[in-house]
C-alpha atoms as a PDB file:
ATOM      1  CA  MET A   1     -18.969  -9.536  11.963  1.00  0.00           C
ATOM      2  CA  ASP A   2     -16.253  -7.486  13.611  1.00  0.00           C
ATOM      3  CA  ALA A   3     -15.475  -5.300  10.572  1.00  0.00           C
ATOM      4  CA  ARG A   4     -11.710  -4.894  10.187  1.00  0.00           C
ATOM      5  CA  VAL A   5      -8.834  -5.516   7.817  1.00  0.00           C
ATOM      6  CA  SER A   6      -6.105  -7.670   9.354  1.00  0.00           C
ATOM      7  CA  PHE A   7      -3.949  -8.528   6.328  1.00  0.00           C
ATOM      8  CA  VAL A   8      -3.428  -7.179   2.829  1.00  0.00           C
ATOM      9  CA  THR A   9      -1.709  -9.863   0.750  1.00  0.00           C
ATOM     10  CA  LEU A  10      -0.086  -8.935  -2.539  1.00  0.00           C
ATOM     11  CA  GLY A  11       0.529 -11.657  -5.112  1.00  0.00           C
ATOM     12  CA  VAL A  12       4.011 -11.076  -6.518  1.00  0.00           C
ATOM     13  CA  ALA A  13       6.102 -12.640  -9.288  1.00  0.00           C
ATOM     14  CA  ASP A  14       9.319 -12.778  -7.255  1.00  0.00           C
ATOM     15  CA  ILE A  15       9.042 -12.734  -3.462  1.00  0.00           C
ATOM     16  CA  ALA A  16      12.727 -11.899  -2.887  1.00  0.00           C
ATOM     17  CA  ARG A  17      12.573  -8.930  -5.290  1.00  0.00           C
ATOM     18  CA  ALA A  18       9.304  -7.677  -3.787  1.00  0.00           C
ATOM     19  CA  ARG A  19      10.651  -8.110  -0.248  1.00  0.00           C
ATOM     20  CA  ALA A  20      13.757  -6.072  -1.128  1.00  0.00           C
ATOM     21  CA  PHE A  21      11.558  -3.326  -2.652  1.00  0.00           C
ATOM     22  CA  TYR A  22       9.307  -3.036   0.402  1.00  0.00           C
ATOM     23  CA  LYS A  23      12.278  -3.147   2.775  1.00  0.00           C
ATOM     24  CA  ALA A  24      13.852  -0.299   0.768  1.00  0.00           C
ATOM     25  CA  LEU A  25      10.606   1.667   1.195  1.00  0.00           C
ATOM     26  CA  GLY A  26      11.052   1.323   4.956  1.00  0.00           C
ATOM     27  CA  PHE A  27       8.979  -1.715   5.920  1.00  0.00           C
ATOM     28  CA  SER A  28      10.592  -4.221   8.330  1.00  0.00           C
ATOM     29  CA  ALA A  29      10.071  -7.922   7.654  1.00  0.00           C
ATOM     30  CA  SER A  30       8.777  -9.988  10.564  1.00  0.00           C
ATOM     31  CA  SER A  31      10.813 -12.920  11.834  1.00  0.00           C
ATOM     32  CA  ALA A  32       7.762 -15.035  10.893  1.00  0.00           C
ATOM     33  CA  SER A  33       8.639 -14.453   7.213  1.00  0.00           C
ATOM     34  CA  GLN A  34       9.819 -17.407   5.148  1.00  0.00           C
ATOM     35  CA  ASP A  35      11.081 -17.945   1.601  1.00  0.00           C
ATOM     36  CA  ALA A  36       7.500 -18.388   0.364  1.00  0.00           C
ATOM     37  CA  VAL A  37       5.902 -15.471   2.237  1.00  0.00           C
ATOM     38  CA  THR A  38       6.977 -12.190   3.773  1.00  0.00           C
ATOM     39  CA  PHE A  39       5.096 -10.319   6.502  1.00  0.00           C
ATOM     40  CA  PHE A  40       5.481  -6.605   7.267  1.00  0.00           C
ATOM     41  CA  ASP A  41       3.876  -4.598  10.077  1.00  0.00           C
ATOM     42  CA  ALA A  42       1.975  -1.858   8.301  1.00  0.00           C
ATOM     43  CA  GLY A  43       0.804   0.221  11.254  1.00  0.00           C
ATOM     44  CA  GLY A  44      -1.705  -2.176  12.748  1.00  0.00           C
ATOM     45  CA  ILE A  45      -2.390  -4.393   9.746  1.00  0.00           C
ATOM     46  CA  VAL A  46      -0.093  -6.902   8.090  1.00  0.00           C
ATOM     47  CA  LEU A  47       1.192  -6.394   4.556  1.00  0.00           C
ATOM     48  CA  ALA A  48       2.031  -9.845   3.189  1.00  0.00           C
ATOM     49  CA  LEU A  49       3.868 -10.816   0.007  1.00  0.00           C
ATOM     50  CA  PHE A  50       3.006 -14.225  -1.453  1.00  0.00           C
ATOM     51  CA  GLY A  51       3.694 -15.828  -4.808  1.00  0.00           C
ATOM     52  CA  ARG A  52       1.126 -14.703  -7.348  1.00  0.00           C
ATOM     53  CA  GLY A  53       0.402 -18.200  -8.665  1.00  0.00           C
ATOM     54  CA  ALA A  54       0.286 -19.669  -5.170  1.00  0.00           C
ATOM     55  CA  LEU A  55      -2.132 -16.958  -4.005  1.00  0.00           C
ATOM     56  CA  ALA A  56      -4.427 -17.605  -6.982  1.00  0.00           C
ATOM     57  CA  ALA A  57      -4.299 -21.366  -6.338  1.00  0.00           C
ATOM     58  CA  ASP A  58      -5.059 -20.859  -2.638  1.00  0.00           C
ATOM     59  CA  ALA A  59      -8.126 -18.757  -3.524  1.00  0.00           C
ATOM     60  CA  LYS A  60      -9.093 -21.246  -6.273  1.00  0.00           C
ATOM     61  CA  VAL A  61      -9.133 -18.583  -8.994  1.00  0.00           C
ATOM     62  CA  ALA A  62      -7.251 -18.277 -12.266  1.00  0.00           C
ATOM     63  CA  ASP A  63      -3.954 -16.393 -12.153  1.00  0.00           C
ATOM     64  CA  SER A  64      -4.961 -13.625 -14.541  1.00  0.00           C
ATOM     65  CA  ARG A  65      -2.593 -11.292 -16.316  1.00  0.00           C
ATOM     66  CA  PRO A  66      -1.259  -8.445 -14.129  1.00  0.00           C
ATOM     67  CA  GLY A  67      -2.916  -5.104 -14.708  1.00  0.00           C
ATOM     68  CA  PHE A  68      -5.374  -2.749 -13.099  1.00  0.00           C
ATOM     69  CA  ALA A  69      -7.482  -4.741 -10.648  1.00  0.00           C
ATOM     70  CA  GLY A  70      -9.619  -1.935  -9.226  1.00  0.00           C
ATOM     71  CA  VAL A  71      -7.574  -1.773  -6.017  1.00  0.00           C
ATOM     72  CA  ALA A  72      -5.068   0.739  -4.692  1.00  0.00           C
ATOM     73  CA  LEU A  73      -3.309   0.795  -1.341  1.00  0.00           C
ATOM     74  CA  ALA A  74      -2.843   4.210   0.234  1.00  0.00           C
ATOM     75  CA  HIS A  75      -0.295   5.938   2.411  1.00  0.00           C
ATOM     76  CA  ASN A  76      -1.452   9.224   3.926  1.00  0.00           C
ATOM     77  CA  VAL A  77       1.081  11.855   4.937  1.00  0.00           C
ATOM     78  CA  ALA A  78       1.009  15.186   6.763  1.00  0.00           C
ATOM     79  CA  SER A  79       1.713  17.581   3.881  1.00  0.00           C
ATOM     80  CA  GLU A  80       1.842  18.090   0.136  1.00  0.00           C
ATOM     81  CA  ALA A  81       5.648  18.219   0.302  1.00  0.00           C
ATOM     82  CA  ALA A  82       5.640  14.839   2.054  1.00  0.00           C
ATOM     83  CA  VAL A  83       3.631  13.357  -0.848  1.00  0.00           C
ATOM     84  CA  ASP A  84       6.344  14.446  -3.268  1.00  0.00           C
ATOM     85  CA  ARG A  85       9.116  13.119  -0.969  1.00  0.00           C
ATOM     86  CA  VAL A  86       7.440   9.712  -0.615  1.00  0.00           C
ATOM     87  CA  LEU A  87       6.901   9.442  -4.375  1.00  0.00           C
ATOM     88  CA  ALA A  88      10.562  10.302  -5.009  1.00  0.00           C
ATOM     89  CA  HIS A  89      11.665   7.730  -2.417  1.00  0.00           C
ATOM     90  CA  ALA A  90       9.464   5.068  -4.024  1.00  0.00           C
ATOM     91  CA  VAL A  91      11.052   5.766  -7.416  1.00  0.00           C
ATOM     92  CA  ALA A  92      14.529   5.503  -5.866  1.00  0.00           C
ATOM     93  CA  CYS A  93      13.464   2.073  -4.538  1.00  0.00           C
ATOM     94  CA  GLY A  94      12.299   0.849  -7.951  1.00  0.00           C
ATOM     95  CA  ALA A  95       8.693   2.047  -8.245  1.00  0.00           C
ATOM     96  CA  THR A  96       7.177   3.769 -11.261  1.00  0.00           C
ATOM     97  CA  VAL A  97       5.162   6.951 -10.760  1.00  0.00           C
ATOM     98  CA  THR A  98       1.836   6.610 -12.562  1.00  0.00           C
ATOM     99  CA  LYS A  99       0.559  10.036 -11.499  1.00  0.00           C
ATOM    100  CA  PRO A 100       2.820  12.716 -10.011  1.00  0.00           C
ATOM    101  CA  GLY A 101       1.699  14.581  -6.906  1.00  0.00           C
ATOM    102  CA  GLN A 102      -0.961  17.148  -7.742  1.00  0.00           C
ATOM    103  CA  LYS A 103      -4.040  18.873  -6.392  1.00  0.00           C
ATOM    104  CA  ALA A 104      -6.897  16.361  -6.213  1.00  0.00           C
ATOM    105  CA  PHE A 105     -10.522  16.922  -7.152  1.00  0.00           C
ATOM    106  CA  TRP A 106     -11.559  16.096  -3.557  1.00  0.00           C
ATOM    107  CA  GLY A 107      -9.533  18.985  -2.106  1.00  0.00           C
ATOM    108  CA  GLY A 108      -6.295  17.292  -1.107  1.00  0.00           C
ATOM    109  CA  TYR A 109      -3.037  16.471  -2.873  1.00  0.00           C
ATOM    110  CA  SER A 110      -2.050  13.042  -4.121  1.00  0.00           C
ATOM    111  CA  GLY A 111      -0.039  10.961  -6.559  1.00  0.00           C
ATOM    112  CA  TYR A 112       0.347   7.277  -7.391  1.00  0.00           C
ATOM    113  CA  PHE A 113       3.173   4.824  -7.855  1.00  0.00           C
ATOM    114  CA  ALA A 114       3.247   1.198  -8.963  1.00  0.00           C
ATOM    115  CA  ASP A 115       5.483  -1.321  -7.209  1.00  0.00           C
ATOM    116  CA  PRO A 116       7.598  -3.705  -9.346  1.00  0.00           C
ATOM    117  CA  ASP A 117       4.576  -6.039  -9.707  1.00  0.00           C
ATOM    118  CA  GLY A 118       2.234  -3.212 -10.735  1.00  0.00           C
ATOM    119  CA  HIS A 119       0.366  -2.892  -7.425  1.00  0.00           C
ATOM    120  CA  LEU A 120      -0.843   0.693  -7.109  1.00  0.00           C
ATOM    121  CA  TRP A 121      -0.143   2.879  -4.098  1.00  0.00           C
ATOM    122  CA  GLU A 122      -1.711   6.297  -3.614  1.00  0.00           C
ATOM    123  CA  VAL A 123       0.319   8.759  -1.561  1.00  0.00           C
ATOM    124  CA  ALA A 124      -2.003  11.456  -0.267  1.00  0.00           C
ATOM    125  CA  HIS A 125      -2.292  14.478   1.951  1.00  0.00           C
ATOM    126  CA  ASN A 126      -5.921  14.819   3.008  1.00  0.00           C
ATOM    127  CA  PRO A 127      -6.518  17.993   5.021  1.00  0.00           C
ATOM    128  CA  PHE A 128      -9.986  16.698   5.991  1.00  0.00           C
ATOM    129  CA  PHE A 129      -8.671  13.520   7.676  1.00  0.00           C
ATOM    130  CA  PRO A 130      -5.847  14.578  10.009  1.00  0.00           C
ATOM    131  CA  LEU A 131      -3.181  12.154  11.232  1.00  0.00           C
ATOM    132  CA  ASP A 132      -2.730  11.325  14.908  1.00  0.00           C
ATOM    133  CA  ALA A 133       0.669  11.267  16.645  1.00  0.00           C
ATOM    134  CA  ALA A 134       1.248   7.709  15.353  1.00  0.00           C
ATOM    135  CA  GLY A 135       0.469   8.749  11.762  1.00  0.00           C
ATOM    136  CA  ARG A 136      -2.924   7.019  11.638  1.00  0.00           C
ATOM    137  CA  VAL A 137      -5.807   8.630   9.751  1.00  0.00           C
ATOM    138  CA  GLN A 138      -8.476  10.129  11.999  1.00  0.00           C
ATOM    139  CA  LEU A 139     -11.878   9.763  10.358  1.00  0.00           C
ATOM    140  CA  PRO A 140     -14.799  11.869  11.527  1.00  0.00           C
ATOM    141  CA  PRO A 141     -17.140   9.839  13.770  1.00  0.00           C
ATOM    142  CA  PRO A 142     -20.049   7.950  12.149  1.00  0.00           C
ATOM    143  CA  LYS A 143     -23.311   9.807  11.681  1.00  0.00           C
ATOM    144  CA  ALA A 144     -26.014   8.886  14.165  1.00  0.00           C
ATOM    145  CA  ASP A 145     -28.133   7.259  11.419  1.00  0.00           C
ATOM    146  CA  ALA A 146     -25.260   5.409   9.712  1.00  0.00           C
END
């Protein structure tokens, strides 16, 4: 398998509301978007918004109650101050901060917000994984035995 993530699809209660929220955050909707689905370029992967019930039906699983699902999306930034700015911007767009920016146990600085459907986003500054000129995380190379 060619290991990669191409799309992250969020099941949402109201596509128009979710689309407006993500556009306010700064994402641009693709012209391929329709009333039933919205696509955003998220720096090399696609962030898609799809009706929650329709997504569950497509996957042939029950549409369970929203809540913590063991998943968080992440947005890495270049500084601790940028974490706080992004969190404040998210709140201004309609998000709820679940954890304000603070020193993290792993040596960086991070905070979390929830979008209007409760999907968690971590905003982090990780001094061990620098960002390239395009803002992409630069991981250390794999170990020889990995």
